[in-house]
Amino acid sequence: MEPVTTTHLFYATPTPGTRTLTVEAVDPFGRRYSETLALT
């Protein structure tokens, strides 16, 4: 899966069979944020 970026948000389409998805972001100060989502 390849993410698609814009100036203020992003989206991605998971491949078939994906069970979990982890979203990661880094702010301008280098702080990392992540969240794992369970796809049902």
N, C-alpha and C. Protein backbone atom coordinates (compact mmCIF):
# COMPACT_ATOMS: atom_id res chain seq x y z
N MET A 1 0.85 -1.16 0.00
CA MET A 1 0.00 0.00 0.00
C MET A 1 0.90 1.23 0.00
N GLU A 2 0.57 2.18 -0.82
CA GLU A 2 1.31 3.44 -0.87
C GLU A 2 0.42 4.57 -0.36
N PRO A 3 0.93 5.38 0.58
CA PRO A 3 0.13 6.50 1.06
C PRO A 3 0.06 7.60 0.00
N VAL A 4 -0.98 8.39 0.06
CA VAL A 4 -1.15 9.54 -0.82
C VAL A 4 -1.23 10.76 0.08
N THR A 5 -0.35 11.74 -0.13
CA THR A 5 -0.33 12.90 0.75
C THR A 5 -0.92 14.12 0.07
N THR A 6 -1.47 15.01 0.89
CA THR A 6 -1.93 16.32 0.47
C THR A 6 -1.25 17.32 1.39
N THR A 7 -1.63 18.57 1.32
CA THR A 7 -1.00 19.57 2.19
C THR A 7 -1.51 19.50 3.62
N HIS A 8 -2.62 18.78 3.87
CA HIS A 8 -3.17 18.77 5.23
C HIS A 8 -3.70 17.41 5.70
N LEU A 9 -3.73 16.40 4.85
CA LEU A 9 -4.20 15.09 5.27
C LEU A 9 -3.64 14.02 4.36
N PHE A 10 -3.89 12.79 4.68
CA PHE A 10 -3.45 11.70 3.84
C PHE A 10 -4.46 10.59 3.89
N TYR A 11 -4.41 9.71 2.90
CA TYR A 11 -5.28 8.54 2.91
C TYR A 11 -4.58 7.42 2.18
N ALA A 12 -4.99 6.22 2.45
CA ALA A 12 -4.42 5.05 1.79
C ALA A 12 -5.51 3.98 1.73
N THR A 13 -5.46 3.17 0.71
CA THR A 13 -6.40 2.06 0.57
C THR A 13 -5.67 0.77 0.90
N PRO A 14 -6.08 0.06 1.96
CA PRO A 14 -5.40 -1.18 2.32
C PRO A 14 -5.64 -2.27 1.27
N THR A 15 -4.68 -3.13 1.12
CA THR A 15 -4.83 -4.25 0.20
C THR A 15 -5.81 -5.26 0.78
N PRO A 16 -6.48 -6.03 -0.06
CA PRO A 16 -7.43 -7.04 0.44
C PRO A 16 -6.74 -7.99 1.43
N GLY A 17 -7.44 -8.32 2.49
CA GLY A 17 -6.91 -9.24 3.49
C GLY A 17 -6.17 -8.55 4.64
N THR A 18 -6.03 -7.24 4.57
CA THR A 18 -5.35 -6.51 5.65
C THR A 18 -6.18 -6.58 6.92
N ARG A 19 -5.58 -6.97 8.02
CA ARG A 19 -6.30 -7.10 9.30
C ARG A 19 -6.04 -5.91 10.24
N THR A 20 -4.82 -5.39 10.20
CA THR A 20 -4.48 -4.22 11.02
C THR A 20 -3.75 -3.20 10.15
N LEU A 21 -3.84 -1.95 10.57
CA LEU A 21 -3.23 -0.86 9.84
C LEU A 21 -2.59 0.07 10.86
N THR A 22 -1.34 0.40 10.69
CA THR A 22 -0.65 1.31 11.59
C THR A 22 -0.41 2.63 10.87
N VAL A 23 -0.85 3.71 11.50
CA VAL A 23 -0.67 5.06 10.96
C VAL A 23 0.42 5.72 11.79
N GLU A 24 1.42 6.27 11.14
CA GLU A 24 2.52 6.95 11.82
C GLU A 24 2.70 8.34 11.22
N ALA A 25 2.98 9.32 12.09
CA ALA A 25 3.22 10.68 11.64
C ALA A 25 4.33 11.29 12.49
N VAL A 26 5.05 12.23 11.90
CA VAL A 26 6.10 12.96 12.61
C VAL A 26 5.79 14.45 12.46
N ASP A 27 5.74 15.16 13.60
CA ASP A 27 5.45 16.59 13.53
C ASP A 27 6.73 17.38 13.22
N PRO A 28 6.63 18.68 13.00
CA PRO A 28 7.80 19.48 12.64
C PRO A 28 8.90 19.49 13.71
N PHE A 29 8.57 19.09 14.94
CA PHE A 29 9.55 19.06 16.02
C PHE A 29 10.20 17.69 16.18
N GLY A 30 9.84 16.75 15.30
CA GLY A 30 10.43 15.42 15.36
C GLY A 30 9.71 14.44 16.27
N ARG A 31 8.59 14.86 16.87
CA ARG A 31 7.82 13.94 17.72
C ARG A 31 7.05 12.97 16.84
N ARG A 32 7.08 11.70 17.22
CA ARG A 32 6.42 10.65 16.45
C ARG A 32 5.10 10.27 17.12
N TYR A 33 4.11 10.06 16.28
CA TYR A 33 2.78 9.63 16.74
C TYR A 33 2.40 8.41 15.92
N SER A 34 1.78 7.43 16.56
CA SER A 34 1.32 6.27 15.81
C SER A 34 0.09 5.68 16.48
N GLU A 35 -0.70 5.03 15.66
CA GLU A 35 -1.89 4.33 16.16
C GLU A 35 -2.14 3.14 15.26
N THR A 36 -2.45 2.01 15.87
CA THR A 36 -2.77 0.80 15.12
C THR A 36 -4.27 0.58 15.15
N LEU A 37 -4.84 0.35 13.99
CA LEU A 37 -6.27 0.16 13.87
C LEU A 37 -6.57 -1.27 13.44
N ALA A 38 -7.58 -1.87 14.05
CA ALA A 38 -8.03 -3.21 13.66
C ALA A 38 -9.12 -3.04 12.61
N LEU A 39 -8.94 -3.63 11.45
CA LEU A 39 -9.93 -3.53 10.39
C LEU A 39 -10.87 -4.73 10.46
N THR A 40 -12.16 -4.45 10.45
CA THR A 40 -13.14 -5.53 10.52
C THR A 40 -13.99 -5.58 9.28
